[in-house]
Amino acid sequence: MKSSRRVLFLIVFAQFLCTSLWFAGNGVMADLSAAFGLPAAAMGYLTSVVQLGFISGTLVFALLSFADRFSPSKVFMISALLGALVNVGIIWEGNQLGSLLALRFFTGFFLAGIYPVGMKIAADYFEKGLGVSLGYLVGALVLGTAFPHLLKELSTDYSWQAVILTTSGLASFGGVLLFLGVPDGPFRKAGQKVNIQDFQRVFANKEFRAAALGYFGHMWELYAFWAFVPFFIERFNNYWPDLGFPVSLLSCLVIGLGGLACIISGYLGKALSNKGVAKGALLLSGICCLLFPTVFYEAHPVAFLVFLLVWGMLVIADSPLFSSLVAKNAPAEIKGTALTLVNCIGFAISILSIELLNALSTDNSSIYFFLLLAIGPFLGFTFLQFQRK
């Protein structure tokens, strides 16, 4: 028991440290824009290109079956070190939008060896109670995503470059820590060779397919929501000019509370059912999408902030449950490849929603276009609700 807890702690802690690379650029976006003269649409571009890099990385990792053929702990460490190195490149004074996009692309590419590989490592150790373990693991991803916003809020006496250097240092430490402290798990079954037919085989399983389709709907909403949380708060400050809500701190809270939601949903899934709890989270998150414009324009400012915090929890609560369902219904020898492939498709979908909202957000007259986020959770709910038995 103590050994299992130690392993879970190390995986979760390393995941937290390494995934801080993901939104490091978003955490200092205003400073990047000022330092390099970026256009207003740069936030969406720099967010989407990380997703594009992640998609490219997961596709390469899946096609080559890295997480199944090689030690996943070693893959995790190498990816963390390379991702940290690329992230440091942001502070180069000669950067322009093109070079920043390239650096963020490769950051996303190497994150493909961190997030899904971390889930693979957890699945190799925790065959039973995987949903709870992944709840902690995805919770670490959420906290890692929120962490750059917190660093920015706390670093008023330091430069934005210090935020970038800190996230890279933490990611390097996390990669080495996991490699040294977490050897290959007892339930690992090494894959022997790459087989393109594996992709078709996993999707032929109706339980796997339902979980994957539900996850894809979830991903339409999740990263677009995270990317635009600072935008929501800034726009709300403009609507209520006397309030002056701290954008970075509130962004950290809205995103970071999702980590707690992941842990809670993991235990709820164990007590009830992963599929049932995931359906409930999708439905409630979709309702939040529909209510957002009304709450924005009509509610008291405190009510609006509470609403954002609740939405921030619901939008991610189903993620570990979907990952657990995907891992459970994939053959053991290609479990890492299956998780990576589903992540690849899900993040491709997230680019579409981010870029769609990025294009529409240039219109300052209203925020009703964010109703489009509801498409994902309601489609995901439908896939799960009406899955053929």
Protein backbone atom coordinates (compact mmCIF):
# COMPACT_ATOMS: atom_id res chain seq x y z
CA MET A 1 0.00 0.00 0.00
CA LYS A 2 2.77 2.41 0.95
CA SER A 3 4.64 1.54 -2.24
CA SER A 4 1.54 2.14 -4.37
CA ARG A 5 0.89 5.48 -2.71
CA ARG A 6 4.50 6.49 -3.24
CA VAL A 7 4.35 5.58 -6.93
CA LEU A 8 1.08 7.44 -7.42
CA PHE A 9 2.46 10.50 -5.66
CA LEU A 10 5.58 10.52 -7.85
CA ILE A 11 3.57 10.12 -11.07
CA VAL A 12 1.12 12.84 -10.09
CA PHE A 13 3.83 15.25 -8.90
CA ALA A 14 5.94 14.72 -12.01
CA GLN A 15 2.88 15.21 -14.22
CA PHE A 16 2.09 18.48 -12.46
CA LEU A 17 5.61 19.79 -12.88
CA CYS A 18 5.93 18.81 -16.53
CA THR A 19 2.53 19.92 -17.76
CA SER A 20 3.22 23.45 -16.52
CA LEU A 21 4.87 23.80 -19.95
CA TRP A 22 1.47 23.60 -21.62
CA PHE A 23 0.11 27.05 -20.83
CA ALA A 24 3.42 28.74 -19.99
CA GLY A 25 2.94 31.03 -22.99
CA ASN A 26 -0.64 31.88 -22.04
CA GLY A 27 0.42 32.77 -18.51
CA VAL A 28 2.66 35.57 -19.85
CA MET A 29 0.70 36.36 -23.02
CA ALA A 30 0.38 40.11 -22.32
CA ASP A 31 4.14 40.36 -21.78
CA LEU A 32 4.89 38.37 -24.92
CA SER A 33 2.61 40.63 -26.94
CA ALA A 34 4.31 43.73 -25.62
CA ALA A 35 7.86 42.38 -25.95
CA PHE A 36 7.52 41.07 -29.50
CA GLY A 37 4.74 43.27 -30.90
CA LEU A 38 2.30 40.39 -31.44
CA PRO A 39 -1.12 40.91 -33.07
CA ALA A 40 -4.33 40.65 -31.05
CA ALA A 41 -5.07 37.19 -32.44
CA ALA A 42 -1.74 35.82 -31.20
CA MET A 43 -3.31 34.24 -28.10
CA GLY A 44 -5.42 31.90 -30.20
CA TYR A 45 -2.56 31.13 -32.58
CA LEU A 46 -0.07 30.34 -29.81
CA THR A 47 -2.60 28.19 -27.98
CA SER A 48 -3.65 26.28 -31.09
CA VAL A 49 -0.10 25.65 -32.24
CA VAL A 50 0.67 23.89 -28.94
CA GLN A 51 -2.34 21.68 -29.61
CA LEU A 52 -1.13 21.11 -33.17
CA GLY A 53 2.29 20.14 -31.87
CA PHE A 54 0.68 17.80 -29.37
CA ILE A 55 -1.40 16.22 -32.13
CA SER A 56 1.68 15.73 -34.31
CA GLY A 57 3.58 14.28 -31.37
CA THR A 58 0.82 11.89 -30.37
CA LEU A 59 0.47 10.76 -33.98
CA VAL A 60 4.18 10.00 -34.21
CA PHE A 61 4.23 8.35 -30.77
CA ALA A 62 1.17 6.25 -31.69
CA LEU A 63 2.47 5.18 -35.10
CA LEU A 64 5.80 4.15 -33.60
CA SER A 65 4.20 2.75 -30.40
CA PHE A 66 6.86 4.44 -28.26
CA ALA A 67 4.95 4.06 -24.99
CA ASP A 68 4.41 0.32 -25.57
CA ARG A 69 7.74 -0.69 -27.13
CA PHE A 70 10.06 1.28 -24.84
CA SER A 71 10.20 2.01 -21.13
CA PRO A 72 7.47 4.65 -20.61
CA SER A 73 9.39 6.24 -17.73
CA LYS A 74 12.35 6.82 -20.02
CA VAL A 75 10.09 8.20 -22.77
CA PHE A 76 8.54 10.54 -20.17
CA MET A 77 11.91 11.84 -18.97
CA ILE A 78 13.37 12.46 -22.43
CA SER A 79 10.20 14.24 -23.53
CA ALA A 80 10.21 16.42 -20.41
CA LEU A 81 13.83 17.47 -20.90
CA LEU A 82 13.34 18.29 -24.58
CA GLY A 83 10.08 20.13 -23.89
CA ALA A 84 11.76 22.20 -21.18
CA LEU A 85 14.63 23.08 -23.53
CA VAL A 86 12.29 24.25 -26.28
CA ASN A 87 10.22 26.25 -23.79
CA VAL A 88 13.31 28.23 -22.72
CA GLY A 89 13.67 29.39 -26.32
CA ILE A 90 10.75 31.76 -25.79
CA ILE A 91 12.96 34.20 -23.89
CA TRP A 92 15.27 34.80 -26.90
CA GLU A 93 15.11 38.51 -27.70
CA GLY A 94 15.16 37.92 -31.46
CA ASN A 95 11.87 36.02 -31.48
CA GLN A 96 9.06 36.97 -33.83
CA LEU A 97 5.61 35.48 -34.16
CA GLY A 98 6.88 32.77 -36.51
CA SER A 99 9.66 31.61 -34.19
CA LEU A 100 7.35 31.72 -31.18
CA LEU A 101 4.84 29.56 -33.03
CA ALA A 102 7.60 27.07 -33.88
CA LEU A 103 8.79 26.92 -30.28
CA ARG A 104 5.28 26.40 -28.94
CA PHE A 105 4.66 23.75 -31.61
CA PHE A 106 7.63 21.68 -30.42
CA THR A 107 6.65 22.22 -26.80
CA GLY A 108 3.32 20.60 -27.66
CA PHE A 109 5.11 17.86 -29.60
CA PHE A 110 7.14 16.78 -26.58
CA LEU A 111 4.12 17.05 -24.28
CA ALA A 112 2.85 14.03 -26.23
CA GLY A 113 5.50 12.05 -24.38
CA ILE A 114 4.32 13.38 -21.02
CA TYR A 115 0.53 13.49 -20.63
CA PRO A 116 -0.65 10.25 -22.34
CA VAL A 117 2.55 8.44 -21.32
CA GLY A 118 1.90 9.42 -17.70
CA MET A 119 -1.56 7.84 -17.99
CA LYS A 120 0.04 4.73 -19.49
CA ILE A 121 2.43 4.49 -16.53
CA ALA A 122 -0.49 4.79 -14.11
CA ALA A 123 -2.40 2.07 -16.00
CA ASP A 124 0.67 -0.20 -15.71
CA TYR A 125 0.57 0.15 -11.92
CA PHE A 126 -3.11 0.47 -11.03
CA GLU A 127 -5.18 -2.11 -12.88
CA LYS A 128 -7.85 -1.81 -10.17
CA GLY A 129 -9.09 1.60 -9.15
CA LEU A 130 -7.63 3.14 -12.31
CA GLY A 131 -10.31 5.84 -12.41
CA VAL A 132 -9.25 7.17 -8.99
CA SER A 133 -5.57 7.10 -9.98
CA LEU A 134 -6.28 8.93 -13.22
CA GLY A 135 -8.39 11.41 -11.27
CA TYR A 136 -5.26 12.43 -9.39
CA LEU A 137 -3.19 12.32 -12.57
CA VAL A 138 -5.51 14.51 -14.65
CA GLY A 139 -5.89 16.75 -11.61
CA ALA A 140 -2.13 17.24 -11.77
CA LEU A 141 -2.46 18.21 -15.44
CA VAL A 142 -5.08 20.79 -14.48
CA LEU A 143 -2.90 22.28 -11.75
CA GLY A 144 0.05 22.32 -14.13
CA THR A 145 -2.10 24.19 -16.64
CA ALA A 146 -3.14 26.75 -14.01
CA PHE A 147 0.33 27.11 -12.51
CA PRO A 148 1.78 29.62 -15.05
CA HIS A 149 -1.14 31.97 -14.30
CA LEU A 150 -0.28 31.76 -10.60
CA LEU A 151 3.40 32.34 -11.29
CA LYS A 152 2.51 35.43 -13.30
CA GLU A 153 0.35 36.74 -10.45
CA LEU A 154 3.11 36.14 -7.88
CA SER A 155 5.98 37.39 -10.01
CA THR A 156 5.24 41.10 -9.92
CA ASP A 157 8.82 41.67 -8.75
CA TYR A 158 10.26 39.41 -11.46
CA SER A 159 10.27 39.40 -15.23
CA TRP A 160 8.07 37.24 -17.44
CA GLN A 161 11.27 35.46 -18.48
CA ALA A 162 11.51 34.16 -14.90
CA VAL A 163 8.12 32.46 -15.33
CA ILE A 164 9.36 30.68 -18.46
CA LEU A 165 12.63 29.63 -16.82
CA THR A 166 10.78 28.39 -13.74
CA THR A 167 8.38 26.20 -15.72
CA SER A 168 11.26 24.72 -17.72
CA GLY A 169 13.25 24.00 -14.58
CA LEU A 170 10.30 22.33 -12.90
CA ALA A 171 9.56 20.23 -15.98
CA SER A 172 13.17 19.01 -16.15
CA PHE A 173 13.11 18.09 -12.48
CA GLY A 174 9.77 16.28 -12.89
CA GLY A 175 11.02 14.19 -15.80
CA VAL A 176 14.15 13.06 -13.97
CA LEU A 177 12.20 12.43 -10.76
CA LEU A 178 9.74 10.09 -12.46
CA PHE A 179 12.49 8.20 -14.30
CA LEU A 180 14.47 7.61 -11.10
CA GLY A 181 11.51 6.88 -8.86
CA VAL A 182 9.03 4.95 -11.03
CA PRO A 183 10.30 1.87 -12.89
CA ASP A 184 8.13 -0.05 -15.34
CA GLY A 185 4.89 -1.18 -13.71
CA PRO A 186 3.85 -4.78 -12.89
CA PHE A 187 0.96 -4.76 -15.37
CA ARG A 188 3.02 -3.50 -18.29
CA LYS A 189 2.90 -5.71 -21.36
CA ALA A 190 5.44 -4.56 -23.90
CA GLY A 191 4.34 -4.21 -27.51
CA GLN A 192 6.49 -6.05 -30.04
CA LYS A 193 5.99 -4.09 -33.24
CA VAL A 194 3.98 -1.36 -34.89
CA ASN A 195 0.73 -2.56 -36.45
CA ILE A 196 -1.52 -0.05 -38.18
CA GLN A 197 -4.40 -2.50 -37.82
CA ASP A 198 -4.26 -1.89 -34.06
CA PHE A 199 -5.99 1.44 -34.64
CA GLN A 200 -8.91 -0.23 -36.38
CA ARG A 201 -9.01 -3.00 -33.79
CA VAL A 202 -9.46 -0.72 -30.78
CA PHE A 203 -12.25 1.29 -32.41
CA ALA A 204 -14.09 -1.91 -33.30
CA ASN A 205 -14.76 -2.36 -29.57
CA LYS A 206 -18.10 -0.58 -28.95
CA GLU A 207 -17.25 0.31 -25.34
CA PHE A 208 -13.94 1.81 -26.43
CA ARG A 209 -15.65 3.65 -29.28
CA ALA A 210 -18.33 5.14 -27.02
CA ALA A 211 -15.72 6.35 -24.52
CA ALA A 212 -13.61 7.84 -27.30
CA LEU A 213 -16.55 9.66 -28.90
CA GLY A 214 -17.63 11.04 -25.53
CA TYR A 215 -14.07 12.24 -24.94
CA PHE A 216 -14.00 13.96 -28.33
CA GLY A 217 -17.11 15.96 -27.40
CA HIS A 218 -15.51 16.86 -24.08
CA MET A 219 -12.37 18.11 -25.86
CA TRP A 220 -14.34 20.46 -28.12
CA GLU A 221 -15.15 22.46 -24.98
CA LEU A 222 -12.24 21.95 -22.57
CA TYR A 223 -9.19 23.64 -24.06
CA ALA A 224 -11.18 26.42 -25.69
CA PHE A 225 -12.62 27.19 -22.25
CA TRP A 226 -9.17 27.16 -20.63
CA ALA A 227 -7.67 29.32 -23.37
CA PHE A 228 -10.40 31.95 -23.07
CA VAL A 229 -10.76 32.15 -19.28
CA PRO A 230 -8.49 35.25 -19.12
CA PHE A 231 -10.49 36.72 -22.03
CA PHE A 232 -13.76 36.15 -20.11
CA ILE A 233 -12.40 37.94 -17.05
CA GLU A 234 -10.87 40.81 -19.03
CA ARG A 235 -14.11 41.30 -20.95
CA PHE A 236 -16.05 41.22 -17.67
CA ASN A 237 -13.72 43.89 -16.27
CA ASN A 238 -14.56 46.02 -19.29
CA TYR A 239 -18.27 45.43 -18.72
CA TRP A 240 -17.90 46.33 -15.01
CA PRO A 241 -15.02 48.86 -15.17
CA ASP A 242 -15.08 49.63 -11.42
CA LEU A 243 -14.30 46.06 -10.38
CA GLY A 244 -10.83 45.37 -11.75
CA PHE A 245 -10.74 41.62 -11.04
CA PRO A 246 -7.16 40.21 -11.03
CA VAL A 247 -7.04 38.31 -14.32
CA SER A 248 -4.10 35.96 -13.64
CA LEU A 249 -5.16 35.01 -10.11
CA LEU A 250 -8.78 34.32 -11.07
CA SER A 251 -7.70 32.42 -14.18
CA CYS A 252 -5.54 30.22 -11.94
CA LEU A 253 -8.47 29.58 -9.57
CA VAL A 254 -11.00 28.84 -12.32
CA ILE A 255 -8.68 26.39 -14.05
CA GLY A 256 -7.01 25.02 -10.93
CA LEU A 257 -10.20 24.04 -9.10
CA GLY A 258 -10.74 21.57 -11.91
CA GLY A 259 -7.97 19.50 -10.35
CA LEU A 260 -10.13 18.96 -7.27
CA ALA A 261 -13.07 18.09 -9.52
CA CYS A 262 -10.99 15.35 -11.20
CA ILE A 263 -10.19 13.74 -7.85
CA ILE A 264 -13.82 13.91 -6.74
CA SER A 265 -15.08 12.46 -10.03
CA GLY A 266 -12.55 9.61 -9.80
CA TYR A 267 -14.00 8.54 -6.44
CA LEU A 268 -17.58 9.07 -7.65
CA GLY A 269 -16.85 6.92 -10.69
CA LYS A 270 -15.55 4.16 -8.44
CA ALA A 271 -18.61 4.35 -6.17
CA LEU A 272 -21.16 4.69 -8.98
CA SER A 273 -19.94 4.18 -12.55
CA ASN A 274 -17.36 5.94 -14.67
CA LYS A 275 -19.74 6.21 -17.60
CA GLY A 276 -22.63 7.55 -15.52
CA VAL A 277 -20.55 10.22 -13.78
CA ALA A 278 -18.95 11.23 -17.10
CA LYS A 279 -22.40 11.65 -18.66
CA GLY A 280 -23.53 13.82 -15.76
CA ALA A 281 -20.46 16.06 -16.00
CA LEU A 282 -20.91 16.46 -19.76
CA LEU A 283 -24.55 17.40 -19.37
CA LEU A 284 -23.94 19.95 -16.61
CA SER A 285 -20.98 21.47 -18.42
CA GLY A 286 -23.08 21.81 -21.57
CA ILE A 287 -25.74 23.62 -19.55
CA CYS A 288 -23.05 26.02 -18.29
CA CYS A 289 -22.18 26.79 -21.92
CA LEU A 290 -25.78 27.71 -22.63
CA LEU A 291 -26.15 29.80 -19.48
CA PHE A 292 -22.88 31.69 -19.91
CA PRO A 293 -24.13 34.74 -21.89
CA THR A 294 -27.08 35.27 -19.57
CA VAL A 295 -24.92 35.03 -16.45
CA PHE A 296 -22.31 37.33 -18.00
CA TYR A 297 -24.75 40.11 -18.79
CA GLU A 298 -27.39 39.73 -16.09
CA ALA A 299 -25.86 38.23 -12.94
CA HIS A 300 -24.21 39.99 -10.03
CA PRO A 301 -20.38 40.02 -10.39
CA VAL A 302 -19.96 37.62 -7.46
CA ALA A 303 -22.47 35.25 -9.02
CA PHE A 304 -20.56 35.43 -12.29
CA LEU A 305 -17.30 34.45 -10.57
CA VAL A 306 -18.97 31.57 -8.73
CA PHE A 307 -20.44 30.43 -12.05
CA LEU A 308 -16.99 30.45 -13.69
CA LEU A 309 -15.53 28.45 -10.80
CA VAL A 310 -18.29 25.84 -11.06
CA TRP A 311 -17.92 25.65 -14.83
CA GLY A 312 -14.16 25.27 -14.39
CA MET A 313 -14.79 22.18 -12.27
CA LEU A 314 -17.46 20.61 -14.48
CA VAL A 315 -15.55 21.14 -17.73
CA ILE A 316 -12.74 18.78 -16.68
CA ALA A 317 -14.45 16.42 -14.21
CA ASP A 318 -15.17 13.77 -16.86
CA SER A 319 -11.64 13.67 -18.31
CA PRO A 320 -10.10 11.01 -16.02
CA LEU A 321 -13.23 8.88 -16.37
CA PHE A 322 -12.93 8.86 -20.15
CA SER A 323 -9.23 8.00 -19.92
CA SER A 324 -10.06 5.15 -17.55
CA LEU A 325 -12.75 3.82 -19.91
CA VAL A 326 -10.36 4.03 -22.87
CA ALA A 327 -7.56 2.24 -21.00
CA LYS A 328 -9.93 -0.41 -19.63
CA ASN A 329 -11.29 -1.29 -23.06
CA ALA A 330 -7.98 -1.36 -24.95
CA PRO A 331 -5.81 -4.50 -25.26
CA ALA A 332 -2.99 -4.45 -22.70
CA GLU A 333 -0.20 -4.63 -25.28
CA ILE A 334 -1.42 -1.49 -27.09
CA LYS A 335 -2.88 0.41 -24.16
CA GLY A 336 -0.34 3.22 -24.46
CA THR A 337 -0.90 3.49 -28.20
CA ALA A 338 -4.70 3.59 -27.73
CA LEU A 339 -4.49 6.35 -25.12
CA THR A 340 -2.11 8.32 -27.33
CA LEU A 341 -4.30 7.92 -30.42
CA VAL A 342 -7.46 9.07 -28.64
CA ASN A 343 -5.55 12.06 -27.26
CA CYS A 344 -4.34 12.86 -30.77
CA ILE A 345 -7.87 13.00 -32.21
CA GLY A 346 -9.27 14.84 -29.20
CA PHE A 347 -6.67 17.59 -29.37
CA ALA A 348 -7.21 17.95 -33.11
CA ILE A 349 -10.84 18.70 -32.31
CA SER A 350 -9.77 21.25 -29.70
CA ILE A 351 -7.89 23.24 -32.34
CA LEU A 352 -11.07 23.64 -34.36
CA SER A 353 -13.00 25.08 -31.43
CA ILE A 354 -10.16 27.35 -30.30
CA GLU A 355 -9.61 28.80 -33.77
CA LEU A 356 -13.34 29.21 -34.38
CA LEU A 357 -13.75 31.18 -31.15
CA ASN A 358 -10.52 33.06 -31.80
CA ALA A 359 -11.91 34.30 -35.12
CA LEU A 360 -15.24 35.28 -33.59
CA SER A 361 -13.73 36.98 -30.55
CA THR A 362 -12.57 39.90 -32.67
CA ASP A 363 -16.18 41.13 -32.49
CA ASN A 364 -16.42 43.06 -29.24
CA SER A 365 -20.17 43.51 -29.36
CA SER A 366 -21.18 40.35 -27.50
CA ILE A 367 -20.00 37.02 -26.15
CA TYR A 368 -22.93 34.98 -27.47
CA PHE A 369 -20.67 33.10 -29.86
CA PHE A 370 -19.38 31.10 -26.87
CA LEU A 371 -22.68 29.20 -27.05
CA LEU A 372 -20.88 27.17 -29.73
CA LEU A 373 -18.94 25.44 -26.94
CA ALA A 374 -22.13 23.57 -26.01
CA ILE A 375 -21.92 21.52 -29.22
CA GLY A 376 -19.17 19.30 -27.78
CA PRO A 377 -20.58 18.23 -24.40
CA PHE A 378 -24.07 17.62 -25.79
CA LEU A 379 -22.73 15.48 -28.64
CA GLY A 380 -20.51 13.61 -26.17
CA PHE A 381 -23.49 13.03 -23.89
CA THR A 382 -25.53 11.76 -26.84
CA PHE A 383 -22.81 9.29 -27.85
CA LEU A 384 -22.76 7.83 -24.35
CA GLN A 385 -26.50 7.98 -23.70
CA PHE A 386 -27.58 6.25 -26.87
CA GLN A 387 -24.74 3.80 -27.21
CA ARG A 388 -26.14 0.55 -28.60
CA LYS A 389 -26.01 -2.21 -26.04
